[in-house]
N, C-alpha and C. Protein backbone atom coordinates (compact mmCIF):
# COMPACT_ATOMS: atom_id res chain seq x y z
N MET A 1 -88.19 -25.34 18.77
CA MET A 1 -87.24 -24.27 18.59
C MET A 1 -87.93 -22.92 18.82
N ASP A 2 -87.18 -21.98 19.32
CA ASP A 2 -87.71 -20.66 19.65
C ASP A 2 -88.00 -19.87 18.38
N PRO A 3 -89.19 -19.23 18.26
CA PRO A 3 -89.50 -18.46 17.06
C PRO A 3 -88.58 -17.26 16.87
N ASN A 4 -88.11 -16.66 17.94
CA ASN A 4 -87.19 -15.52 17.81
C ASN A 4 -85.86 -15.97 17.23
N LEU A 5 -85.42 -17.15 17.63
CA LEU A 5 -84.18 -17.70 17.10
C LEU A 5 -84.32 -18.01 15.62
N MET A 6 -85.48 -18.52 15.21
CA MET A 6 -85.75 -18.80 13.80
C MET A 6 -85.77 -17.49 13.00
N LEU A 7 -86.34 -16.44 13.58
CA LEU A 7 -86.40 -15.13 12.90
C LEU A 7 -85.00 -14.56 12.71
N ILE A 8 -84.17 -14.65 13.75
CA ILE A 8 -82.80 -14.16 13.66
C ILE A 8 -82.04 -14.97 12.60
N PHE A 9 -82.18 -16.28 12.63
CA PHE A 9 -81.53 -17.13 11.64
C PHE A 9 -81.98 -16.77 10.22
N GLY A 10 -83.27 -16.48 10.05
CA GLY A 10 -83.80 -16.08 8.75
C GLY A 10 -83.18 -14.78 8.26
N PHE A 11 -83.03 -13.79 9.16
CA PHE A 11 -82.41 -12.52 8.78
C PHE A 11 -80.93 -12.70 8.42
N VAL A 12 -80.23 -13.52 9.18
CA VAL A 12 -78.82 -13.79 8.87
C VAL A 12 -78.69 -14.48 7.52
N LEU A 13 -79.55 -15.46 7.28
CA LEU A 13 -79.54 -16.16 5.99
C LEU A 13 -79.88 -15.21 4.85
N LEU A 14 -80.88 -14.37 5.05
CA LEU A 14 -81.25 -13.39 4.03
C LEU A 14 -80.10 -12.42 3.77
N GLY A 15 -79.45 -11.96 4.84
CA GLY A 15 -78.30 -11.06 4.68
C GLY A 15 -77.18 -11.72 3.91
N ALA A 16 -76.91 -12.99 4.21
CA ALA A 16 -75.86 -13.71 3.51
C ALA A 16 -76.21 -13.89 2.03
N LEU A 17 -77.50 -14.14 1.75
CA LEU A 17 -77.92 -14.31 0.36
C LEU A 17 -77.80 -13.00 -0.44
N ILE A 18 -77.85 -11.89 0.24
CA ILE A 18 -77.70 -10.60 -0.44
C ILE A 18 -76.23 -10.21 -0.53
N VAL A 19 -75.47 -10.39 0.55
CA VAL A 19 -74.10 -9.91 0.60
C VAL A 19 -73.15 -10.77 -0.23
N PHE A 20 -73.23 -12.08 -0.15
CA PHE A 20 -72.26 -12.94 -0.84
C PHE A 20 -72.28 -12.79 -2.36
N PRO A 21 -73.43 -12.76 -3.02
CA PRO A 21 -73.39 -12.53 -4.48
C PRO A 21 -72.82 -11.16 -4.84
N PHE A 22 -73.18 -10.15 -4.04
CA PHE A 22 -72.65 -8.81 -4.29
C PHE A 22 -71.13 -8.80 -4.13
N ALA A 23 -70.63 -9.45 -3.08
CA ALA A 23 -69.19 -9.53 -2.85
C ALA A 23 -68.50 -10.30 -3.98
N TYR A 24 -69.13 -11.37 -4.46
CA TYR A 24 -68.55 -12.14 -5.56
C TYR A 24 -68.46 -11.29 -6.83
N ILE A 25 -69.53 -10.57 -7.13
CA ILE A 25 -69.54 -9.73 -8.34
C ILE A 25 -68.48 -8.64 -8.23
N MET A 26 -68.39 -8.00 -7.08
CA MET A 26 -67.39 -6.93 -6.91
C MET A 26 -65.97 -7.49 -7.00
N ASN A 27 -65.73 -8.65 -6.40
CA ASN A 27 -64.41 -9.26 -6.47
C ASN A 27 -64.06 -9.61 -7.92
N LYS A 28 -65.01 -10.12 -8.66
CA LYS A 28 -64.78 -10.46 -10.07
C LYS A 28 -64.43 -9.20 -10.87
N ARG A 29 -65.14 -8.12 -10.61
CA ARG A 29 -64.84 -6.86 -11.32
C ARG A 29 -63.46 -6.34 -10.99
N VAL A 30 -63.07 -6.43 -9.72
CA VAL A 30 -61.73 -5.98 -9.31
C VAL A 30 -60.66 -6.83 -9.99
N GLN A 31 -60.85 -8.14 -10.03
CA GLN A 31 -59.88 -9.01 -10.69
C GLN A 31 -59.80 -8.73 -12.19
N ASP A 32 -60.94 -8.53 -12.84
CA ASP A 32 -60.95 -8.22 -14.27
C ASP A 32 -60.24 -6.89 -14.54
N HIS A 33 -60.48 -5.92 -13.66
CA HIS A 33 -59.84 -4.61 -13.82
C HIS A 33 -58.32 -4.74 -13.67
N ALA A 34 -57.88 -5.49 -12.67
CA ALA A 34 -56.44 -5.68 -12.46
C ALA A 34 -55.80 -6.40 -13.65
N GLU A 35 -56.50 -7.38 -14.19
CA GLU A 35 -55.97 -8.11 -15.34
C GLU A 35 -55.87 -7.20 -16.56
N ARG A 36 -56.90 -6.41 -16.80
CA ARG A 36 -56.89 -5.47 -17.93
C ARG A 36 -55.78 -4.43 -17.76
N LYS A 37 -55.60 -3.97 -16.53
CA LYS A 37 -54.55 -2.99 -16.26
C LYS A 37 -53.17 -3.57 -16.57
N LEU A 38 -52.93 -4.82 -16.17
CA LEU A 38 -51.66 -5.47 -16.47
C LEU A 38 -51.46 -5.64 -17.97
N GLU A 39 -52.52 -6.00 -18.69
CA GLU A 39 -52.42 -6.14 -20.14
C GLU A 39 -52.06 -4.82 -20.80
N LEU A 40 -52.70 -3.74 -20.36
CA LEU A 40 -52.41 -2.43 -20.94
C LEU A 40 -50.99 -1.99 -20.61
N GLU A 41 -50.54 -2.25 -19.38
CA GLU A 41 -49.17 -1.89 -19.03
C GLU A 41 -48.18 -2.68 -19.88
N ALA A 42 -48.47 -3.94 -20.15
CA ALA A 42 -47.59 -4.75 -20.99
C ALA A 42 -47.56 -4.20 -22.42
N ARG A 43 -48.73 -3.81 -22.93
CA ARG A 43 -48.78 -3.23 -24.29
C ARG A 43 -48.02 -1.91 -24.35
N ILE A 44 -48.10 -1.11 -23.30
CA ILE A 44 -47.36 0.15 -23.26
C ILE A 44 -45.86 -0.11 -23.29
N GLU A 45 -45.41 -1.08 -22.50
CA GLU A 45 -43.99 -1.42 -22.49
C GLU A 45 -43.53 -1.95 -23.84
N GLU A 46 -44.36 -2.76 -24.50
CA GLU A 46 -44.01 -3.26 -25.84
C GLU A 46 -43.90 -2.12 -26.83
N ALA A 47 -44.82 -1.17 -26.74
CA ALA A 47 -44.79 -0.03 -27.66
C ALA A 47 -43.55 0.83 -27.41
N LYS A 48 -43.20 1.02 -26.14
CA LYS A 48 -42.00 1.80 -25.82
C LYS A 48 -40.75 1.09 -26.34
N ALA A 49 -40.70 -0.22 -26.19
CA ALA A 49 -39.53 -0.97 -26.66
C ALA A 49 -39.43 -0.91 -28.18
N ALA A 50 -40.56 -1.02 -28.85
CA ALA A 50 -40.56 -0.95 -30.32
C ALA A 50 -40.14 0.44 -30.79
N GLN A 51 -40.60 1.46 -30.08
CA GLN A 51 -40.25 2.82 -30.47
C GLN A 51 -38.77 3.09 -30.23
N ALA A 52 -38.23 2.55 -29.16
CA ALA A 52 -36.81 2.75 -28.87
C ALA A 52 -35.93 1.97 -29.84
N ALA A 53 -36.45 0.87 -30.37
CA ALA A 53 -35.65 0.03 -31.27
C ALA A 53 -35.49 0.65 -32.65
N ARG A 54 -36.50 1.38 -33.10
CA ARG A 54 -36.39 1.96 -34.45
C ARG A 54 -35.95 3.42 -34.35
N PRO A 55 -35.07 3.82 -35.22
CA PRO A 55 -34.62 5.22 -35.18
C PRO A 55 -35.73 6.16 -35.68
N SER A 56 -35.77 7.30 -35.09
CA SER A 56 -36.78 8.26 -35.51
C SER A 56 -36.36 8.92 -36.82
N GLU A 57 -37.29 9.62 -37.44
CA GLU A 57 -36.98 10.31 -38.70
C GLU A 57 -35.91 11.36 -38.49
N THR A 58 -35.96 12.05 -37.38
CA THR A 58 -34.96 13.08 -37.11
C THR A 58 -33.59 12.46 -36.97
N GLN A 59 -33.50 11.36 -36.27
CA GLN A 59 -32.22 10.68 -36.09
C GLN A 59 -31.69 10.20 -37.44
N ALA A 60 -32.53 9.63 -38.27
CA ALA A 60 -32.10 9.16 -39.59
C ALA A 60 -31.63 10.33 -40.45
N HIS A 61 -32.38 11.45 -40.37
CA HIS A 61 -32.00 12.64 -41.14
C HIS A 61 -30.64 13.16 -40.67
N LEU A 62 -30.42 13.21 -39.37
CA LEU A 62 -29.14 13.69 -38.85
C LEU A 62 -28.00 12.75 -39.22
N GLU A 63 -28.25 11.45 -39.22
CA GLU A 63 -27.22 10.51 -39.62
C GLU A 63 -26.85 10.69 -41.09
N ASP A 64 -27.84 10.92 -41.94
CA ASP A 64 -27.57 11.17 -43.36
C ASP A 64 -26.73 12.44 -43.53
N ARG A 65 -27.10 13.47 -42.82
CA ARG A 65 -26.34 14.73 -42.91
C ARG A 65 -24.91 14.54 -42.42
N LEU A 66 -24.76 13.79 -41.34
CA LEU A 66 -23.43 13.55 -40.79
C LEU A 66 -22.57 12.77 -41.79
N ARG A 67 -23.15 11.80 -42.48
CA ARG A 67 -22.40 11.05 -43.51
C ARG A 67 -21.91 11.99 -44.61
N VAL A 68 -22.77 12.90 -45.02
CA VAL A 68 -22.38 13.85 -46.07
C VAL A 68 -21.26 14.74 -45.58
N VAL A 69 -21.38 15.24 -44.37
CA VAL A 69 -20.33 16.11 -43.82
C VAL A 69 -19.01 15.34 -43.69
N GLU A 70 -19.08 14.10 -43.23
CA GLU A 70 -17.87 13.29 -43.13
C GLU A 70 -17.23 13.09 -44.50
N ARG A 71 -18.05 12.85 -45.51
CA ARG A 71 -17.52 12.66 -46.85
C ARG A 71 -16.86 13.95 -47.36
N ILE A 72 -17.49 15.07 -47.05
CA ILE A 72 -16.92 16.34 -47.50
C ILE A 72 -15.60 16.61 -46.79
N VAL A 73 -15.56 16.37 -45.50
CA VAL A 73 -14.36 16.65 -44.72
C VAL A 73 -13.21 15.75 -45.15
N THR A 74 -13.51 14.51 -45.45
CA THR A 74 -12.43 13.58 -45.81
C THR A 74 -12.11 13.59 -47.30
N ASP A 75 -12.92 14.26 -48.10
CA ASP A 75 -12.70 14.29 -49.55
C ASP A 75 -11.81 15.49 -49.90
N PRO A 76 -10.61 15.25 -50.41
CA PRO A 76 -9.71 16.36 -50.73
C PRO A 76 -9.96 16.99 -52.11
N SER A 77 -11.00 16.61 -52.78
CA SER A 77 -11.21 17.09 -54.15
C SER A 77 -11.59 18.57 -54.16
N ALA A 78 -11.60 19.13 -55.36
CA ALA A 78 -11.82 20.56 -55.54
C ALA A 78 -13.29 20.94 -55.49
N ASP A 79 -14.20 20.00 -55.50
CA ASP A 79 -15.62 20.35 -55.53
C ASP A 79 -16.21 20.51 -54.13
N LEU A 80 -15.38 20.85 -53.16
CA LEU A 80 -15.82 21.03 -51.79
C LEU A 80 -16.88 22.13 -51.69
N SER A 81 -16.67 23.22 -52.36
CA SER A 81 -17.64 24.33 -52.26
C SER A 81 -18.98 23.93 -52.88
N ARG A 82 -18.96 23.13 -53.94
CA ARG A 82 -20.20 22.68 -54.55
C ARG A 82 -21.00 21.81 -53.57
N GLN A 83 -20.31 20.93 -52.88
CA GLN A 83 -20.98 20.07 -51.91
C GLN A 83 -21.53 20.86 -50.73
N ILE A 84 -20.83 21.88 -50.32
CA ILE A 84 -21.33 22.74 -49.24
C ILE A 84 -22.60 23.44 -49.69
N GLU A 85 -22.61 23.92 -50.91
CA GLU A 85 -23.81 24.56 -51.45
C GLU A 85 -24.97 23.57 -51.54
N ASP A 86 -24.65 22.34 -51.93
CA ASP A 86 -25.70 21.30 -51.96
C ASP A 86 -26.30 21.08 -50.57
N LEU A 87 -25.45 21.11 -49.58
CA LEU A 87 -25.94 20.96 -48.20
C LEU A 87 -26.86 22.13 -47.82
N ARG A 88 -26.47 23.31 -48.21
CA ARG A 88 -27.31 24.47 -47.90
C ARG A 88 -28.67 24.35 -48.59
N GLU A 89 -28.67 23.86 -49.82
CA GLU A 89 -29.93 23.67 -50.53
C GLU A 89 -30.79 22.60 -49.85
N LEU A 90 -30.15 21.53 -49.37
CA LEU A 90 -30.88 20.51 -48.64
C LEU A 90 -31.53 21.08 -47.38
N LYS A 91 -30.79 21.95 -46.71
CA LYS A 91 -31.32 22.57 -45.50
C LYS A 91 -32.52 23.46 -45.83
N LEU A 92 -32.41 24.22 -46.90
CA LEU A 92 -33.52 25.08 -47.31
C LEU A 92 -34.73 24.25 -47.72
N ASP A 93 -34.47 23.15 -48.43
CA ASP A 93 -35.59 22.26 -48.83
C ASP A 93 -36.26 21.65 -47.61
N ALA A 94 -35.44 21.25 -46.64
CA ALA A 94 -36.01 20.64 -45.42
C ALA A 94 -36.84 21.65 -44.64
N GLU A 95 -36.41 22.90 -44.61
CA GLU A 95 -37.16 23.93 -43.89
C GLU A 95 -38.47 24.23 -44.61
N LYS A 96 -38.47 24.14 -45.94
CA LYS A 96 -39.71 24.38 -46.69
C LYS A 96 -40.71 23.27 -46.43
N VAL A 97 -40.23 22.05 -46.25
CA VAL A 97 -41.11 20.91 -46.03
C VAL A 97 -41.82 21.04 -44.68
N ARG A 98 -41.14 21.54 -43.70
CA ARG A 98 -41.74 21.68 -42.35
C ARG A 98 -42.73 22.77 -42.41
C-alpha cells in the first residue's frame, strides 16, 4: 500500500475521531436544551391556567362590594343611609390599607 494513502487515511481517521465525539456532545446539549425549554413552557402554561382559574383579590373585593350594593338597592328598609355610610367607611379602610 502507498504510504501517502496511509497518511491521508490516518488524517481522515484522526479527524473523524475528533469531530464525531464533538458533534455527539453538541447534539446532546441541543436536545437537552430543547427538552428543558419545553418543560419550562409547560410549567408557564400550567401557572397561567392556575392563575386564570382562581379569582384575584381585587376581583373578590369587587364582588363583595357589588353584593353589598345589590342588597342595599333591593332592600326597601329605612336603614339605607346607614348602609351607605358603612360602605364609605369600608372604602376609607381599604384606602388606608393600601
